[in-house]
Amino acid sequence: MLYFSLRSLLRFLFSIFFRFQVIGVENIPKTGPAIICPNHISNLDPPIVGCASTRIIHYMAKEELFKIPLFRKLLERLYAFPVNRSGGGRKALKTSLELLKQEKILGIFPEGTRSKTGKLGKGHIGAALLASKVGAPIIPTAIIGPYRLFRPVCIIFGKPINPQECGKDSENPVQDLTDHLMQEIQGLIDSYKQRSL
């Protein structure tokens, strides 16, 4: 109940303060596993993408937050799970695979960190690796900001990428899938900006 109540409240607030817009929500599969992969420009990205999605998104959150009892309970009820960002992320990887096998939606920012310039950075292979292991589609997602009061923030969900089709004849299919994902995200950003001119 907390997740859905908070999502409804945030949708209302985002629509007022950021003129919240969503495009392509039909590209999120209604059932089955999937990985939603947005660019990362703000700490507000996880909740705003969660508000845009028709399904619950499970996110990784840094392990330190789970050591605070109040935060731990809140994060768990918001379907987040801990990750050790200093390199010991095996448990988070295992949890991610289990969630996908349970046909859940996983949210991963392929850049791994927020962009300081607002421009799309280099993608890491984690999302592509998970998608390839499970056969889950990847949903390239663009967050168009900036987050400024009463200026529009738009979330665009692109068409699903089938990991079994992308790069299947390549020597390095996971890297090719990652590169294709980042190209798709950049394409969503560029197309939106061209329409806005």
C-alpha atoms as a PDB file:
ATOM      1  CA  MET A   1       0.000   0.000   0.000  1.00  0.00           C
ATOM      2  CA  LEU A   2       2.815   2.437   0.812  1.00  0.00           C
ATOM      3  CA  TYR A   3       4.285   2.111  -2.691  1.00  0.00           C
ATOM      4  CA  PHE A   4       1.021   2.862  -4.479  1.00  0.00           C
ATOM      5  CA  SER A   5       0.015   5.639  -2.087  1.00  0.00           C
ATOM      6  CA  LEU A   6       3.391   7.323  -2.457  1.00  0.00           C
ATOM      7  CA  ARG A   7       3.344   6.881  -6.230  1.00  0.00           C
ATOM      8  CA  SER A   8      -0.071   8.573  -6.468  1.00  0.00           C
ATOM      9  CA  LEU A   9       1.111  11.475  -4.313  1.00  0.00           C
ATOM     10  CA  LEU A  10       4.327  11.933  -6.296  1.00  0.00           C
ATOM     11  CA  ARG A  11       2.480  11.788  -9.616  1.00  0.00           C
ATOM     12  CA  PHE A  12       0.290  14.633  -8.399  1.00  0.00           C
ATOM     13  CA  LEU A  13       3.278  16.686  -7.186  1.00  0.00           C
ATOM     14  CA  PHE A  14       5.364  16.031 -10.318  1.00  0.00           C
ATOM     15  CA  SER A  15       2.456  17.051 -12.550  1.00  0.00           C
ATOM     16  CA  ILE A  16       2.183  20.372 -10.707  1.00  0.00           C
ATOM     17  CA  PHE A  17       5.824  21.316 -10.182  1.00  0.00           C
ATOM     18  CA  PHE A  18       7.477  19.726 -13.235  1.00  0.00           C
ATOM     19  CA  ARG A  19       4.606  19.440 -15.754  1.00  0.00           C
ATOM     20  CA  PHE A  20       5.259  15.697 -15.747  1.00  0.00           C
ATOM     21  CA  GLN A  21       4.847  14.024 -19.166  1.00  0.00           C
ATOM     22  CA  VAL A  22       5.054  10.345 -20.138  1.00  0.00           C
ATOM     23  CA  ILE A  23       5.501   8.960 -23.665  1.00  0.00           C
ATOM     24  CA  GLY A  24       5.644   5.331 -24.792  1.00  0.00           C
ATOM     25  CA  VAL A  25       4.242   3.665 -21.685  1.00  0.00           C
ATOM     26  CA  GLU A  26       2.739   1.037 -24.009  1.00  0.00           C
ATOM     27  CA  ASN A  27       6.307  -0.206 -24.590  1.00  0.00           C
ATOM     28  CA  ILE A  28       6.465  -1.606 -21.046  1.00  0.00           C
ATOM     29  CA  PRO A  29       5.408  -5.278 -21.200  1.00  0.00           C
ATOM     30  CA  LYS A  30       2.223  -5.916 -19.233  1.00  0.00           C
ATOM     31  CA  THR A  31       3.609  -9.218 -17.991  1.00  0.00           C
ATOM     32  CA  GLY A  32       6.964 -10.954 -17.763  1.00  0.00           C
ATOM     33  CA  PRO A  33      10.427  -9.705 -16.842  1.00  0.00           C
ATOM     34  CA  ALA A  34      11.984  -6.538 -18.222  1.00  0.00           C
ATOM     35  CA  ILE A  35      14.779  -4.102 -17.427  1.00  0.00           C
ATOM     36  CA  ILE A  36      14.026  -0.391 -17.628  1.00  0.00           C
ATOM     37  CA  CYS A  37      17.223   1.529 -18.413  1.00  0.00           C
ATOM     38  CA  PRO A  38      17.080   5.338 -18.189  1.00  0.00           C
ATOM     39  CA  ASN A  39      19.757   7.994 -18.444  1.00  0.00           C
ATOM     40  CA  HIS A  40      20.614   9.496 -15.057  1.00  0.00           C
ATOM     41  CA  ILE A  41      20.494  13.258 -14.454  1.00  0.00           C
ATOM     42  CA  SER A  42      19.123  13.690 -10.918  1.00  0.00           C
ATOM     43  CA  ASN A  43      18.385  12.033  -7.577  1.00  0.00           C
ATOM     44  CA  LEU A  44      14.731  12.426  -8.567  1.00  0.00           C
ATOM     45  CA  ASP A  45      15.143   9.986 -11.467  1.00  0.00           C
ATOM     46  CA  PRO A  46      14.150   6.766  -9.626  1.00  0.00           C
ATOM     47  CA  PRO A  47      10.859   8.113  -8.230  1.00  0.00           C
ATOM     48  CA  ILE A  48       9.853   9.931 -11.407  1.00  0.00           C
ATOM     49  CA  VAL A  49      10.474   6.862 -13.592  1.00  0.00           C
ATOM     50  CA  GLY A  50       8.624   4.786 -10.999  1.00  0.00           C
ATOM     51  CA  CYS A  51       5.686   7.174 -11.288  1.00  0.00           C
ATOM     52  CA  ALA A  52       5.748   6.935 -15.076  1.00  0.00           C
ATOM     53  CA  SER A  53       5.752   3.134 -15.129  1.00  0.00           C
ATOM     54  CA  THR A  54       2.586   1.057 -15.121  1.00  0.00           C
ATOM     55  CA  ARG A  55       4.360  -1.665 -13.117  1.00  0.00           C
ATOM     56  CA  ILE A  56       6.407  -1.718  -9.921  1.00  0.00           C
ATOM     57  CA  ILE A  57      10.111  -1.117 -10.573  1.00  0.00           C
ATOM     58  CA  HIS A  58      12.685  -2.752  -8.310  1.00  0.00           C
ATOM     59  CA  TYR A  59      15.778  -0.566  -7.879  1.00  0.00           C
ATOM     60  CA  MET A  60      19.166  -1.088  -6.310  1.00  0.00           C
ATOM     61  CA  ALA A  61      20.062   1.362  -3.537  1.00  0.00           C
ATOM     62  CA  LYS A  62      23.432   1.848  -1.891  1.00  0.00           C
ATOM     63  CA  GLU A  63      24.041  -0.539   0.969  1.00  0.00           C
ATOM     64  CA  GLU A  64      24.779   2.218   3.492  1.00  0.00           C
ATOM     65  CA  LEU A  65      21.137   3.358   3.443  1.00  0.00           C
ATOM     66  CA  PHE A  66      19.986  -0.075   4.623  1.00  0.00           C
ATOM     67  CA  LYS A  67      22.102   0.238   7.772  1.00  0.00           C
ATOM     68  CA  ILE A  68      19.737   2.943   9.023  1.00  0.00           C
ATOM     69  CA  PRO A  69      16.712   1.065  10.474  1.00  0.00           C
ATOM     70  CA  LEU A  70      14.115   3.640   9.403  1.00  0.00           C
ATOM     71  CA  PHE A  71      15.492   3.880   5.852  1.00  0.00           C
ATOM     72  CA  ARG A  72      15.802   0.114   5.619  1.00  0.00           C
ATOM     73  CA  LYS A  73      12.110  -0.446   6.336  1.00  0.00           C
ATOM     74  CA  LEU A  74      11.087   2.333   3.958  1.00  0.00           C
ATOM     75  CA  LEU A  75      13.321   1.132   1.110  1.00  0.00           C
ATOM     76  CA  GLU A  76      12.175  -2.459   1.455  1.00  0.00           C
ATOM     77  CA  ARG A  77       8.531  -1.372   1.275  1.00  0.00           C
ATOM     78  CA  LEU A  78       9.409   0.614  -1.853  1.00  0.00           C
ATOM     79  CA  TYR A  79      10.881  -2.554  -3.441  1.00  0.00           C
ATOM     80  CA  ALA A  80      14.521  -1.418  -3.311  1.00  0.00           C
ATOM     81  CA  PHE A  81      17.373  -3.773  -2.457  1.00  0.00           C
ATOM     82  CA  PRO A  82      20.967  -3.104  -1.343  1.00  0.00           C
ATOM     83  CA  VAL A  83      24.077  -3.041  -3.506  1.00  0.00           C
ATOM     84  CA  ASN A  84      27.694  -2.687  -2.383  1.00  0.00           C
ATOM     85  CA  ARG A  85      29.086  -0.115  -4.802  1.00  0.00           C
ATOM     86  CA  SER A  86      32.711  -0.742  -3.781  1.00  0.00           C
ATOM     87  CA  GLY A  87      32.850  -3.899  -5.872  1.00  0.00           C
ATOM     88  CA  GLY A  88      31.154  -6.576  -3.781  1.00  0.00           C
ATOM     89  CA  GLY A  89      27.870  -6.583  -5.668  1.00  0.00           C
ATOM     90  CA  ARG A  90      27.392 -10.348  -6.032  1.00  0.00           C
ATOM     91  CA  LYS A  91      24.417 -10.400  -3.691  1.00  0.00           C
ATOM     92  CA  ALA A  92      22.729  -7.590  -5.651  1.00  0.00           C
ATOM     93  CA  LEU A  93      23.423  -9.457  -8.894  1.00  0.00           C
ATOM     94  CA  LYS A  94      21.838 -12.607  -7.446  1.00  0.00           C
ATOM     95  CA  THR A  95      18.807 -10.620  -6.239  1.00  0.00           C
ATOM     96  CA  SER A  96      18.465  -9.005  -9.682  1.00  0.00           C
ATOM     97  CA  LEU A  97      18.460 -12.384 -11.412  1.00  0.00           C
ATOM     98  CA  GLU A  98      15.919 -13.766  -8.945  1.00  0.00           C
ATOM     99  CA  LEU A  99      13.597 -10.785  -9.517  1.00  0.00           C
ATOM    100  CA  LEU A 100      13.789 -11.203 -13.282  1.00  0.00           C
ATOM    101  CA  LYS A 101      13.129 -14.940 -12.999  1.00  0.00           C
ATOM    102  CA  GLN A 102      10.053 -14.013 -10.939  1.00  0.00           C
ATOM    103  CA  GLU A 103       8.982 -11.882 -13.943  1.00  0.00           C
ATOM    104  CA  LYS A 104       9.474  -8.563 -12.148  1.00  0.00           C
ATOM    105  CA  ILE A 105      10.624  -5.230 -13.570  1.00  0.00           C
ATOM    106  CA  LEU A 106      14.151  -4.142 -12.717  1.00  0.00           C
ATOM    107  CA  GLY A 107      15.361  -0.548 -12.967  1.00  0.00           C
ATOM    108  CA  ILE A 108      19.036   0.012 -13.826  1.00  0.00           C
ATOM    109  CA  PHE A 109      20.808   3.243 -14.760  1.00  0.00           C
ATOM    110  CA  PRO A 110      23.393   1.965 -17.271  1.00  0.00           C
ATOM    111  CA  GLU A 111      25.692   4.961 -16.756  1.00  0.00           C
ATOM    112  CA  GLY A 112      26.120   3.851 -13.142  1.00  0.00           C
ATOM    113  CA  THR A 113      26.106   7.391 -11.769  1.00  0.00           C
ATOM    114  CA  ARG A 114      24.479  10.769 -12.381  1.00  0.00           C
ATOM    115  CA  SER A 115      25.720  12.828 -15.306  1.00  0.00           C
ATOM    116  CA  LYS A 116      27.287  16.088 -14.111  1.00  0.00           C
ATOM    117  CA  THR A 117      26.790  17.718 -17.523  1.00  0.00           C
ATOM    118  CA  GLY A 118      23.341  16.365 -18.359  1.00  0.00           C
ATOM    119  CA  LYS A 119      24.792  14.566 -21.377  1.00  0.00           C
ATOM    120  CA  LEU A 120      24.560  10.805 -21.745  1.00  0.00           C
ATOM    121  CA  GLY A 121      27.671   9.030 -20.456  1.00  0.00           C
ATOM    122  CA  LYS A 122      29.255   5.688 -21.220  1.00  0.00           C
ATOM    123  CA  GLY A 123      27.133   2.635 -20.505  1.00  0.00           C
ATOM    124  CA  HIS A 124      28.190  -0.221 -18.230  1.00  0.00           C
ATOM    125  CA  ILE A 125      27.422  -3.808 -19.214  1.00  0.00           C
ATOM    126  CA  GLY A 126      25.430  -4.834 -16.100  1.00  0.00           C
ATOM    127  CA  ALA A 127      21.939  -4.436 -17.589  1.00  0.00           C
ATOM    128  CA  ALA A 128      22.923  -6.183 -20.823  1.00  0.00           C
ATOM    129  CA  LEU A 129      24.522  -9.042 -18.888  1.00  0.00           C
ATOM    130  CA  LEU A 130      21.398  -9.606 -16.787  1.00  0.00           C
ATOM    131  CA  ALA A 131      19.111  -9.344 -19.806  1.00  0.00           C
ATOM    132  CA  SER A 132      21.205 -11.860 -21.721  1.00  0.00           C
ATOM    133  CA  LYS A 133      21.199 -14.353 -18.861  1.00  0.00           C
ATOM    134  CA  VAL A 134      17.424 -14.295 -18.430  1.00  0.00           C
ATOM    135  CA  GLY A 135      16.254 -13.297 -21.906  1.00  0.00           C
ATOM    136  CA  ALA A 136      14.479 -10.236 -20.518  1.00  0.00           C
ATOM    137  CA  PRO A 137      13.809  -7.306 -22.857  1.00  0.00           C
ATOM    138  CA  ILE A 138      15.515  -4.006 -22.148  1.00  0.00           C
ATOM    139  CA  ILE A 139      13.398  -0.844 -22.296  1.00  0.00           C
ATOM    140  CA  PRO A 140      15.601   2.132 -23.287  1.00  0.00           C
ATOM    141  CA  THR A 141      14.267   5.124 -21.384  1.00  0.00           C
ATOM    142  CA  ALA A 142      14.991   8.827 -21.696  1.00  0.00           C
ATOM    143  CA  ILE A 143      14.562  11.362 -18.921  1.00  0.00           C
ATOM    144  CA  ILE A 144      14.341  14.827 -20.440  1.00  0.00           C
ATOM    145  CA  GLY A 145      14.965  17.604 -17.930  1.00  0.00           C
ATOM    146  CA  PRO A 146      16.226  19.686 -16.373  1.00  0.00           C
ATOM    147  CA  TYR A 147      14.309  19.523 -13.094  1.00  0.00           C
ATOM    148  CA  ARG A 148      13.279  23.153 -12.752  1.00  0.00           C
ATOM    149  CA  LEU A 149      10.047  24.340 -11.218  1.00  0.00           C
ATOM    150  CA  PHE A 150       7.156  24.587 -13.670  1.00  0.00           C
ATOM    151  CA  ARG A 151       9.285  23.398 -16.588  1.00  0.00           C
ATOM    152  CA  PRO A 152       8.370  20.087 -18.238  1.00  0.00           C
ATOM    153  CA  VAL A 153      10.143  16.864 -17.357  1.00  0.00           C
ATOM    154  CA  CYS A 154       9.388  14.108 -19.837  1.00  0.00           C
ATOM    155  CA  ILE A 155       9.889  10.343 -19.485  1.00  0.00           C
ATOM    156  CA  ILE A 156      10.065   8.430 -22.775  1.00  0.00           C
ATOM    157  CA  PHE A 157       9.954   4.638 -22.862  1.00  0.00           C
ATOM    158  CA  GLY A 158      11.429   3.308 -26.095  1.00  0.00           C
ATOM    159  CA  LYS A 159      10.669   0.069 -27.893  1.00  0.00           C
ATOM    160  CA  PRO A 160      11.939  -3.077 -26.136  1.00  0.00           C
ATOM    161  CA  ILE A 161      15.310  -4.471 -27.183  1.00  0.00           C
ATOM    162  CA  ASN A 162      15.431  -8.258 -27.459  1.00  0.00           C
ATOM    163  CA  PRO A 163      18.811  -9.356 -26.022  1.00  0.00           C
ATOM    164  CA  GLN A 164      18.653 -12.612 -27.981  1.00  0.00           C
ATOM    165  CA  GLU A 165      18.482 -10.746 -31.283  1.00  0.00           C
ATOM    166  CA  CYS A 166      20.882  -7.877 -30.667  1.00  0.00           C
ATOM    167  CA  GLY A 167      24.515  -8.813 -31.295  1.00  0.00           C
ATOM    168  CA  LYS A 168      23.795 -12.534 -31.617  1.00  0.00           C
ATOM    169  CA  ASP A 169      26.467 -12.919 -34.331  1.00  0.00           C
ATOM    170  CA  SER A 170      28.987 -10.740 -32.501  1.00  0.00           C
ATOM    171  CA  GLU A 171      32.164 -11.792 -30.721  1.00  0.00           C
ATOM    172  CA  ASN A 172      31.100  -9.608 -27.786  1.00  0.00           C
ATOM    173  CA  PRO A 173      27.272  -9.632 -27.710  1.00  0.00           C
ATOM    174  CA  VAL A 174      26.974  -8.122 -24.212  1.00  0.00           C
ATOM    175  CA  GLN A 175      29.053  -5.078 -25.170  1.00  0.00           C
ATOM    176  CA  ASP A 176      27.184  -4.737 -28.463  1.00  0.00           C
ATOM    177  CA  LEU A 177      23.871  -4.871 -26.593  1.00  0.00           C
ATOM    178  CA  THR A 178      25.119  -2.180 -24.208  1.00  0.00           C
ATOM    179  CA  ASP A 179      26.242   0.040 -27.096  1.00  0.00           C
ATOM    180  CA  HIS A 180      22.901  -0.440 -28.845  1.00  0.00           C
ATOM    181  CA  LEU A 181      21.028   0.438 -25.641  1.00  0.00           C
ATOM    182  CA  MET A 182      22.959   3.681 -25.217  1.00  0.00           C
ATOM    183  CA  GLN A 183      22.373   4.594 -28.862  1.00  0.00           C
ATOM    184  CA  GLU A 184      18.652   4.038 -28.394  1.00  0.00           C
ATOM    185  CA  ILE A 185      18.549   6.239 -25.278  1.00  0.00           C
ATOM    186  CA  GLN A 186      20.452   8.987 -27.103  1.00  0.00           C
ATOM    187  CA  GLY A 187      18.065   8.646 -30.043  1.00  0.00           C
ATOM    188  CA  LEU A 188      15.050   9.155 -27.757  1.00  0.00           C
ATOM    189  CA  ILE A 189      16.658  12.272 -26.278  1.00  0.00           C
ATOM    190  CA  ASP A 190      17.570  13.708 -29.686  1.00  0.00           C
ATOM    191  CA  SER A 191      14.131  12.994 -31.210  1.00  0.00           C
ATOM    192  CA  TYR A 192      12.337  14.730 -28.340  1.00  0.00           C
ATOM    193  CA  LYS A 193      14.570  17.787 -28.537  1.00  0.00           C
ATOM    194  CA  GLN A 194      14.066  18.054 -32.294  1.00  0.00           C
ATOM    195  CA  ARG A 195      10.275  17.937 -31.858  1.00  0.00           C
ATOM    196  CA  SER A 196      10.530  20.646 -29.206  1.00  0.00           C
ATOM    197  CA  LEU A 197      12.345  23.113 -31.468  1.00  0.00           C
END
